Amino acid sequence: MKRIFYFLVSLMFLVVAVYYGWETLFENGDPGYVILGIGRWSLESTLAFFMIVLWFSFTVLYFLVRWLGWFIRLPKKIKSKGQDVTLNRSKEALVSGLVDYAEGNWERSETILIKHAPSSAAPLVYYLTAARAAHLRGAADSRDSYLNMAAEQSPGSEFAIGITKAELDLSQGRFVEAQEGLLHLQTTDPSHPAVTKLLYQAYLKQNDWQSIAELFPILDKSKILLKTERKILAIKVYGGLLKQHGEKASLVDVDRLWAEIPDDIKALKDLAFCYFTAMIQCGAGAKIEKQIVEYLLVDKEDALLELYGEIVSDDVARQIQVIEQWAQLYPRNPVLLRTVGKLFYVTENWQQAQVFLNRSIELKPAASAYHMLAEIMTMKGNYEKASELYKQGLVMESDQIVKAIDMTQLDPAVSSEDTADLVPEPVSGSDKTVIS
């Protein structure tokens, strides 16, 4: 549009100039006179004719130059046009490859993407997608080859390639390899969100609780996890560390870790149970006896009752008195009765231990109850009864193992209890009386 405008304006000026030139030269009866001399040669003409020849020569020369420039640029235009066609084909191939990838046609997706990657404007996308497709169809060598090609074609894409490789390693169970690559990337950008998230997943798969705990500041700063996810992760991490320290019977480490845990996480019942277990494993159950009792006043939870039975109290008589009174209030609780029987068993009060263990078995048989009763029968010299009880306990244990294996095969996912609100409830009046 702009060119047409300039042409019309130029044409208008030309017409005006010709008109005024004609008026000046011919109406006055003087057409003008031009003479050109070159050596012995001379050329004579009227001014009007000379102007027409000059204009015609300029026009021919102008178009000649334009055509010459067009011919000179023609190879470049042809090349550019070819490149445009190639790029368009590459874009179409990318779309087709991504569709095949999404539909599960991984081999075809891989073939299309690799064919058009060298001629594309962004080969990195092609190679990384092809690497994922090769990984999904189990072609590890092709996957690694495509990642290497991506590194060669896109030297500045270390993070994209490294993150992709780490994701593929994690999905294949190569946690150590993924961790090494991610740690290398972390040296370049310690707070990179994707690197941090993948790194914590690699640690989680290896139960490396200490390393995850060290990542908590970065995880919180980058807000990678939701509040609920962060709370569940904290329970896993601190619970795992407490378990490790408890198995090592390292009371100093347990106390130090418990002091470092935020108060809102300490208030979660699941984590408190891990702490109680670790303290008992360290032989310091007497220190947390009062805390366990406070939880039991709220809820006679089976796991907590069993922990209470594991405590080596400074005042065993008082411990037995408290739990025996609870047994009177809750005579249908088999775990509570078994715990009372265990405490009597520890104090070698065989008669009372036998009474409570038998009552517990009547309500709900347990392998541990059978074993303790068998020990009591052995102490009393009733070896036949002891043998029978041992056999019943072993059968029950084997049944529990088989059941656990079956459950794992049916649902390998680990369930987690709801930990949203674990504030202790008010103590009931009957329990207050028992404890006072």
Protein backbone atom coordinates (compact mmCIF):
# COMPACT_ATOMS: atom_id res chain seq x y z
CA MET A 1 0.00 0.00 0.00
CA LYS A 2 2.81 2.38 0.87
CA ARG A 3 4.61 1.65 -2.40
CA ILE A 4 1.49 2.43 -4.45
CA PHE A 5 1.17 5.74 -2.62
CA TYR A 6 4.77 6.70 -3.38
CA PHE A 7 4.32 5.68 -7.02
CA LEU A 8 1.21 7.83 -7.45
CA VAL A 9 2.86 10.84 -5.82
CA SER A 10 5.93 10.47 -8.06
CA LEU A 11 3.73 10.09 -11.13
CA MET A 12 1.81 13.23 -10.21
CA PHE A 13 5.02 15.26 -9.86
CA LEU A 14 6.21 13.89 -13.20
CA VAL A 15 2.99 14.90 -14.95
CA VAL A 16 3.15 18.38 -13.43
CA ALA A 17 6.81 18.78 -14.47
CA VAL A 18 6.06 17.65 -18.04
CA TYR A 19 3.10 19.97 -18.27
CA TYR A 20 5.02 23.05 -17.12
CA GLY A 21 7.98 22.09 -19.28
CA TRP A 22 5.73 21.82 -22.32
CA GLU A 23 4.14 25.17 -21.57
CA THR A 24 7.50 26.83 -21.13
CA LEU A 25 9.23 25.39 -24.19
CA PHE A 26 6.53 25.24 -26.86
CA GLU A 27 4.03 27.97 -26.13
CA ASN A 28 6.81 30.54 -26.10
CA GLY A 29 8.08 29.23 -29.47
CA ASP A 30 11.43 28.21 -28.02
CA PRO A 31 11.91 24.38 -27.68
CA GLY A 32 15.37 24.87 -26.14
CA TYR A 33 18.70 23.69 -27.43
CA VAL A 34 21.18 21.10 -26.07
CA ILE A 35 24.61 20.23 -27.44
CA LEU A 36 26.90 17.51 -26.06
CA GLY A 37 30.51 17.29 -27.12
CA ILE A 38 32.95 14.42 -26.62
CA GLY A 39 36.29 14.95 -28.33
CA ARG A 40 35.61 15.53 -32.02
CA TRP A 41 32.09 14.26 -31.64
CA SER A 42 29.09 16.44 -30.81
CA LEU A 43 25.37 15.79 -30.37
CA GLU A 44 22.73 18.44 -30.91
CA SER A 45 19.09 18.17 -29.86
CA THR A 46 16.18 20.13 -28.60
CA LEU A 47 15.75 20.35 -24.85
CA ALA A 48 12.40 18.56 -24.92
CA PHE A 49 13.74 15.58 -26.84
CA PHE A 50 16.80 15.46 -24.61
CA MET A 51 14.62 15.38 -21.47
CA ILE A 52 12.51 12.55 -22.91
CA VAL A 53 15.62 10.53 -23.77
CA LEU A 54 17.10 11.24 -20.33
CA TRP A 55 13.92 10.15 -18.56
CA PHE A 56 13.65 6.99 -20.68
CA SER A 57 17.35 6.13 -20.03
CA PHE A 58 16.91 6.61 -16.30
CA THR A 59 13.83 4.38 -16.28
CA VAL A 60 15.56 1.61 -18.19
CA LEU A 61 18.64 1.83 -15.98
CA TYR A 62 16.50 1.81 -12.82
CA PHE A 63 14.57 -1.33 -13.78
CA LEU A 64 17.77 -2.95 -14.99
CA VAL A 65 19.37 -2.40 -11.59
CA ARG A 66 16.23 -3.65 -9.82
CA TRP A 67 16.11 -6.79 -11.93
CA LEU A 68 19.82 -7.36 -11.42
CA GLY A 69 19.38 -7.07 -7.61
CA TRP A 70 16.44 -9.47 -7.77
CA PHE A 71 18.53 -12.04 -9.65
CA ILE A 72 21.40 -11.65 -7.18
CA ARG A 73 19.04 -12.23 -4.19
CA LEU A 74 17.19 -15.09 -5.88
CA PRO A 75 19.41 -17.96 -4.52
CA LYS A 76 19.12 -16.59 -1.00
CA LYS A 77 15.34 -16.32 -1.34
CA ILE A 78 15.12 -19.85 -2.67
CA LYS A 79 17.23 -21.07 0.27
CA SER A 80 15.13 -19.10 2.76
CA LYS A 81 11.95 -20.48 1.24
CA GLY A 82 13.34 -23.99 1.54
CA GLN A 83 14.22 -23.38 5.17
CA ASP A 84 10.72 -22.12 5.86
CA VAL A 85 9.28 -25.25 4.29
CA THR A 86 11.64 -27.41 6.38
CA LEU A 87 10.74 -25.56 9.59
CA ASN A 88 7.04 -25.94 8.89
CA ARG A 89 7.53 -29.64 8.32
CA SER A 90 9.50 -29.85 11.58
CA LYS A 91 6.69 -28.12 13.47
CA GLU A 92 4.15 -30.51 11.99
CA ALA A 93 6.43 -33.41 12.92
CA LEU A 94 6.68 -32.13 16.50
CA VAL A 95 2.91 -32.00 16.83
CA SER A 96 2.58 -35.47 15.32
CA GLY A 97 5.34 -36.83 17.57
CA LEU A 98 3.77 -35.39 20.70
CA VAL A 99 0.37 -36.84 19.77
CA ASP A 100 1.93 -40.26 19.21
CA TYR A 101 3.77 -39.94 22.52
CA ALA A 102 0.55 -39.10 24.36
CA GLU A 103 -1.27 -41.99 22.69
CA GLY A 104 1.44 -44.48 23.65
CA ASN A 105 2.87 -44.93 20.14
CA TRP A 106 6.36 -44.39 21.53
CA GLU A 107 8.41 -46.00 18.78
CA ARG A 108 6.68 -44.03 16.02
CA SER A 109 6.95 -40.83 18.08
CA GLU A 110 10.65 -41.46 18.60
CA THR A 111 11.25 -42.06 14.88
CA ILE A 112 9.42 -38.90 13.78
CA LEU A 113 11.09 -36.65 16.33
CA ILE A 114 14.63 -37.86 15.69
CA LYS A 115 14.18 -37.53 11.91
CA HIS A 116 13.18 -33.87 12.13
CA ALA A 117 15.22 -32.75 15.16
CA PRO A 118 18.35 -31.60 13.25
CA SER A 119 16.32 -29.29 10.99
CA SER A 120 14.16 -27.79 13.73
CA ALA A 121 14.52 -24.43 15.45
CA ALA A 122 14.45 -26.06 18.91
CA PRO A 123 16.11 -29.51 18.66
CA LEU A 124 16.24 -29.82 22.46
CA VAL A 125 12.48 -30.40 22.68
CA TYR A 126 12.64 -33.11 20.02
CA TYR A 127 15.54 -34.99 21.60
CA LEU A 128 14.17 -34.85 25.16
CA THR A 129 10.74 -36.07 24.05
CA ALA A 130 12.35 -38.83 22.00
CA ALA A 131 14.43 -39.81 25.04
CA ARG A 132 11.26 -40.11 27.13
CA ALA A 133 9.61 -42.20 24.41
CA ALA A 134 12.65 -44.51 24.22
CA HIS A 135 12.63 -44.82 28.01
CA LEU A 136 8.97 -45.80 28.08
CA ARG A 137 9.52 -48.56 25.54
CA GLY A 138 12.56 -49.83 27.46
CA ALA A 139 15.28 -48.73 25.03
CA ALA A 140 17.88 -47.49 27.53
CA ASP A 141 20.71 -47.17 24.98
CA SER A 142 18.59 -45.06 22.63
CA ARG A 143 17.45 -42.91 25.54
CA ASP A 144 21.03 -42.14 26.62
CA SER A 145 22.03 -41.51 23.00
CA TYR A 146 19.25 -38.95 22.54
CA LEU A 147 20.21 -37.19 25.77
CA ASN A 148 23.79 -36.94 24.52
CA MET A 149 22.56 -35.55 21.19
CA ALA A 150 20.51 -32.97 23.08
CA ALA A 151 23.63 -31.91 25.01
CA GLU A 152 25.60 -31.55 21.76
CA GLN A 153 22.89 -29.59 19.94
CA SER A 154 22.00 -27.35 22.92
CA PRO A 155 25.13 -26.69 25.01
CA GLY A 156 23.34 -24.23 27.33
CA SER A 157 20.52 -26.60 28.32
CA GLU A 158 22.25 -28.45 31.16
CA PHE A 159 19.32 -28.09 33.56
CA ALA A 160 16.65 -29.28 31.12
CA ILE A 161 18.71 -32.33 30.17
CA GLY A 162 19.79 -33.06 33.75
CA ILE A 163 16.25 -32.82 35.12
CA THR A 164 14.91 -35.07 32.37
CA LYS A 165 17.62 -37.66 33.03
CA ALA A 166 16.93 -37.55 36.77
CA GLU A 167 13.19 -38.07 36.22
CA LEU A 168 13.88 -41.07 33.99
CA ASP A 169 16.37 -42.53 36.50
CA LEU A 170 13.87 -42.14 39.34
CA SER A 171 11.12 -43.85 37.36
CA GLN A 172 13.51 -46.73 36.68
CA GLY A 173 14.56 -47.09 40.32
CA ARG A 174 18.08 -45.75 39.76
CA PHE A 175 17.95 -43.52 42.79
CA VAL A 176 21.70 -43.17 43.36
CA GLU A 177 22.33 -42.11 39.74
CA ALA A 178 19.47 -39.61 39.92
CA GLN A 179 20.79 -38.22 43.19
CA GLU A 180 24.31 -37.74 41.80
CA GLY A 181 23.02 -35.83 38.78
CA LEU A 182 20.73 -33.65 40.86
CA LEU A 183 23.47 -32.81 43.37
CA HIS A 184 25.63 -31.67 40.44
CA LEU A 185 22.82 -29.38 39.24
CA GLN A 186 22.28 -28.12 42.79
CA THR A 187 25.83 -26.79 42.91
CA THR A 188 24.86 -24.43 40.08
CA ASP A 189 21.48 -23.37 41.47
CA PRO A 190 20.89 -24.55 45.08
CA SER A 191 17.28 -23.33 45.20
CA HIS A 192 16.05 -24.55 41.80
CA PRO A 193 12.48 -25.82 42.50
CA ALA A 194 12.49 -28.78 40.10
CA VAL A 195 15.93 -29.95 41.24
CA THR A 196 14.93 -29.64 44.91
CA LYS A 197 11.70 -31.59 44.45
CA LEU A 198 13.36 -34.41 42.52
CA LEU A 199 16.23 -34.53 45.00
CA TYR A 200 13.89 -34.94 47.96
CA GLN A 201 12.06 -37.71 46.07
CA ALA A 202 15.38 -39.49 45.48
CA TYR A 203 16.22 -39.20 49.19
CA LEU A 204 12.75 -40.41 50.11
CA LYS A 205 13.10 -43.54 47.99
CA GLN A 206 16.36 -44.33 49.81
CA ASN A 207 14.97 -43.50 53.29
CA ASP A 208 17.71 -40.88 53.62
CA TRP A 209 15.84 -38.95 56.29
CA GLN A 210 18.77 -36.78 57.36
CA SER A 211 19.31 -35.41 53.85
CA ILE A 212 15.60 -34.62 53.50
CA ALA A 213 15.66 -32.80 56.84
CA GLU A 214 18.52 -30.66 55.50
CA LEU A 215 16.34 -29.81 52.46
CA PHE A 216 13.43 -28.54 54.57
CA PRO A 217 14.55 -24.85 54.50
CA ILE A 218 14.74 -24.88 50.69
CA LEU A 219 11.46 -26.80 50.37
CA ASP A 220 9.72 -24.29 52.62
CA LYS A 221 11.21 -21.29 50.84
CA SER A 222 10.28 -22.49 47.36
CA LYS A 223 6.81 -23.67 48.53
CA ILE A 224 7.07 -26.82 46.43
CA LEU A 225 4.81 -28.82 48.75
CA LEU A 226 1.33 -28.08 50.00
CA LYS A 227 0.89 -27.67 53.76
CA THR A 228 -0.65 -31.11 54.10
CA GLU A 229 2.12 -32.72 52.03
CA ARG A 230 4.74 -30.87 54.05
CA LYS A 231 3.24 -32.10 57.32
CA ILE A 232 3.06 -35.71 56.14
CA LEU A 233 6.65 -35.51 54.90
CA ALA A 234 7.78 -34.09 58.25
CA ILE A 235 6.17 -37.04 60.06
CA LYS A 236 7.95 -39.51 57.75
CA VAL A 237 11.32 -37.78 58.02
CA TYR A 238 11.40 -37.11 61.76
CA GLY A 239 9.76 -40.47 62.44
CA GLY A 240 12.42 -42.20 60.33
CA LEU A 241 15.22 -40.36 62.12
CA LEU A 242 13.75 -41.22 65.53
CA LYS A 243 13.51 -44.85 64.49
CA GLN A 244 17.15 -44.88 63.33
CA HIS A 245 18.38 -43.28 66.56
CA GLY A 246 16.20 -45.63 68.61
CA GLU A 247 17.59 -48.71 66.86
CA LYS A 248 21.09 -47.44 67.66
CA ALA A 249 19.98 -46.83 71.27
CA SER A 250 21.40 -43.31 70.98
CA LEU A 251 19.55 -41.36 73.66
CA VAL A 252 21.61 -38.22 73.03
CA ASP A 253 20.61 -38.16 69.36
CA VAL A 254 16.95 -38.80 70.19
CA ASP A 255 16.86 -35.93 72.72
CA ARG A 256 18.71 -33.58 70.34
CA LEU A 257 16.40 -34.38 67.42
CA TRP A 258 13.25 -34.02 69.54
CA ALA A 259 14.43 -30.58 70.67
CA GLU A 260 14.93 -29.52 67.03
CA ILE A 261 11.49 -30.62 65.82
CA PRO A 262 8.97 -27.72 65.55
CA ASP A 263 6.27 -27.70 68.21
CA ASP A 264 3.39 -28.03 65.73
CA ILE A 265 4.95 -31.25 64.41
CA LYS A 266 5.63 -32.56 67.92
CA ALA A 267 1.92 -32.22 68.68
CA LEU A 268 1.08 -34.83 66.02
CA LYS A 269 0.23 -38.14 67.64
CA ASP A 270 1.99 -40.28 65.03
CA LEU A 271 5.29 -38.53 65.64
CA ALA A 272 4.84 -38.66 69.41
CA PHE A 273 4.47 -42.44 69.11
CA CYS A 274 7.77 -42.59 67.19
CA TYR A 275 9.43 -40.57 69.95
CA PHE A 276 8.03 -42.82 72.69
CA THR A 277 9.24 -45.92 70.83
CA ALA A 278 12.74 -44.48 70.38
CA MET A 279 12.97 -43.51 74.04
CA ILE A 280 11.91 -47.00 75.14
CA GLN A 281 14.47 -48.55 72.77
CA CYS A 282 17.11 -46.34 74.38
CA GLY A 283 16.10 -47.60 77.81
CA ALA A 284 14.65 -44.23 78.83
CA GLY A 285 11.01 -45.23 78.92
CA ALA A 286 10.61 -43.96 82.46
CA LYS A 287 11.22 -40.40 81.21
CA ILE A 288 8.21 -40.47 78.92
CA GLU A 289 5.92 -42.62 81.07
CA LYS A 290 3.93 -39.61 82.23
CA GLN A 291 3.44 -38.39 78.63
CA ILE A 292 2.17 -41.79 77.51
CA VAL A 293 -0.25 -41.87 80.41
CA GLU A 294 -1.58 -38.45 79.36
CA TYR A 295 -2.26 -39.79 75.86
CA LEU A 296 -3.86 -42.93 77.27
CA LEU A 297 -6.19 -40.84 79.39
CA VAL A 298 -7.56 -39.48 76.13
CA ASP A 299 -7.70 -42.72 74.15
CA LYS A 300 -6.80 -46.30 75.01
CA GLU A 301 -5.13 -46.83 71.65
CA ASP A 302 -3.71 -50.32 71.12
CA ALA A 303 -0.25 -49.22 69.94
CA LEU A 304 0.10 -46.86 72.88
CA LEU A 305 -0.99 -49.52 75.37
CA GLU A 306 1.65 -51.88 74.01
CA LEU A 307 4.26 -49.12 74.33
CA TYR A 308 3.20 -48.56 77.92
CA GLY A 309 3.76 -52.25 78.56
CA GLU A 310 7.33 -51.93 77.22
CA ILE A 311 8.29 -49.21 79.71
CA VAL A 312 10.72 -50.17 82.47
CA SER A 313 9.23 -47.85 85.08
CA ASP A 314 10.98 -46.44 88.13
CA ASP A 315 7.86 -47.44 90.07
CA VAL A 316 6.57 -50.69 88.56
CA ALA A 317 4.01 -51.18 91.33
CA ARG A 318 2.49 -47.79 90.53
CA GLN A 319 2.58 -48.60 86.81
CA ILE A 320 0.69 -51.87 87.39
CA GLN A 321 -1.78 -50.19 89.74
CA VAL A 322 -2.70 -47.56 87.12
CA ILE A 323 -3.16 -49.98 84.22
CA GLU A 324 -4.97 -52.55 86.38
CA GLN A 325 -7.51 -49.91 87.35
CA TRP A 326 -7.96 -49.10 83.67
CA ALA A 327 -8.59 -52.79 83.05
CA GLN A 328 -11.42 -52.65 85.58
CA LEU A 329 -12.95 -49.71 83.69
CA TYR A 330 -12.46 -51.36 80.26
CA PRO A 331 -12.74 -55.15 80.85
CA ARG A 332 -13.43 -55.85 77.16
CA ASN A 333 -10.19 -54.35 75.82
CA PRO A 334 -7.94 -57.30 74.88
CA VAL A 335 -4.80 -55.21 74.35
CA LEU A 336 -5.24 -53.52 77.72
CA LEU A 337 -5.68 -56.91 79.43
CA ARG A 338 -2.64 -58.29 77.60
CA THR A 339 -0.57 -55.31 78.72
CA VAL A 340 -1.60 -55.86 82.35
CA GLY A 341 -0.67 -59.52 82.00
CA LYS A 342 2.70 -58.58 80.52
CA LEU A 343 3.53 -56.26 83.42
CA PHE A 344 2.63 -59.00 85.91
CA TYR A 345 4.75 -61.37 83.82
CA VAL A 346 7.74 -58.99 84.04
CA THR A 347 7.37 -58.81 87.82
CA GLU A 348 7.12 -62.63 87.91
CA ASN A 349 3.61 -62.59 89.33
CA TRP A 350 2.72 -65.70 87.33
CA GLN A 351 -0.76 -66.16 88.74
CA GLN A 352 -2.04 -62.68 87.93
CA ALA A 353 -0.23 -62.69 84.60
CA GLN A 354 -1.95 -65.95 83.64
CA VAL A 355 -5.37 -64.58 84.58
CA PHE A 356 -5.10 -61.43 82.48
CA LEU A 357 -3.43 -63.18 79.53
CA ASN A 358 -6.17 -65.81 79.40
CA ARG A 359 -8.86 -63.12 79.49
CA SER A 360 -7.07 -61.29 76.67
CA ILE A 361 -6.90 -64.45 74.52
CA GLU A 362 -10.60 -65.12 75.08
CA LEU A 363 -11.41 -61.69 73.61
CA LYS A 364 -8.74 -61.61 70.90
CA PRO A 365 -5.93 -64.18 70.56
CA ALA A 366 -2.43 -62.82 70.09
CA ALA A 367 0.88 -64.59 69.48
CA SER A 368 2.66 -62.62 72.20
CA ALA A 369 0.03 -63.66 74.77
CA TYR A 370 0.45 -67.32 73.83
CA HIS A 371 4.22 -67.06 74.16
CA MET A 372 4.05 -65.47 77.61
CA LEU A 373 1.56 -68.09 78.78
CA ALA A 374 3.86 -70.78 77.40
CA GLU A 375 6.74 -69.33 79.43
CA ILE A 376 4.56 -69.32 82.54
CA MET A 377 3.56 -72.97 81.97
CA THR A 378 7.24 -73.81 81.55
CA MET A 379 8.04 -72.10 84.86
CA LYS A 380 5.31 -74.17 86.48
CA GLY A 381 6.63 -77.35 84.93
CA ASN A 382 3.59 -77.97 82.69
CA TYR A 383 5.64 -78.68 79.57
CA GLU A 384 2.83 -80.28 77.61
CA LYS A 385 0.61 -77.20 77.99
CA ALA A 386 3.61 -74.97 77.26
CA SER A 387 4.30 -76.89 74.03
CA GLU A 388 0.67 -76.52 72.97
CA LEU A 389 0.70 -72.78 73.67
CA TYR A 390 3.98 -72.29 71.79
CA LYS A 391 2.49 -74.10 68.81
CA GLN A 392 -0.63 -71.91 68.85
CA GLY A 393 1.53 -68.78 69.01
CA LEU A 394 3.72 -69.89 66.11
CA VAL A 395 0.69 -70.75 63.97
CA MET A 396 -0.79 -67.34 64.67
CA GLU A 397 2.50 -65.61 63.79
CA SER A 398 2.76 -67.51 60.50
CA ASP A 399 -0.85 -66.63 59.65
CA GLN A 400 -0.11 -62.96 60.34
CA ILE A 401 2.96 -63.06 58.09
CA VAL A 402 1.02 -64.66 55.23
CA LYS A 403 -1.78 -62.13 55.66
CA ALA A 404 0.71 -59.25 55.62
CA ILE A 405 2.28 -60.57 52.40
CA ASP A 406 -1.13 -60.91 50.77
CA MET A 407 -2.09 -57.38 51.76
CA THR A 408 1.16 -56.02 50.36
CA GLN A 409 0.57 -57.74 47.03
CA LEU A 410 -2.99 -56.45 46.84
CA ASP A 411 -2.19 -52.86 47.84
CA PRO A 412 1.50 -51.92 47.99
CA ALA A 413 0.69 -48.28 48.81
CA VAL A 414 1.38 -47.23 52.40
CA SER A 415 -1.66 -45.73 54.03
CA SER A 416 -1.37 -42.75 56.33
CA GLU A 417 -3.66 -41.77 59.16
CA ASP A 418 -5.35 -38.45 59.22
CA THR A 419 -3.09 -36.09 61.16
CA ALA A 420 -4.99 -32.87 60.70
CA ASP A 421 -6.13 -32.44 64.29
CA LEU A 422 -4.44 -34.39 67.06
CA VAL A 423 -5.02 -32.12 70.04
CA PRO A 424 -5.77 -34.25 73.14
CA GLU A 425 -9.40 -34.38 74.21
CA PRO A 426 -10.51 -33.61 77.78
CA VAL A 427 -9.77 -36.37 80.27
CA SER A 428 -12.81 -38.39 81.34
CA GLY A 429 -13.88 -38.27 84.95
CA SER A 430 -13.29 -41.98 85.56
CA ASP A 431 -9.73 -41.84 84.28
CA LYS A 432 -8.98 -38.77 86.39
CA THR A 433 -9.99 -40.77 89.42
CA VAL A 434 -7.70 -43.64 88.47
CA ILE A 435 -4.66 -41.44 87.96
CA SER A 436 -5.13 -39.24 91.02
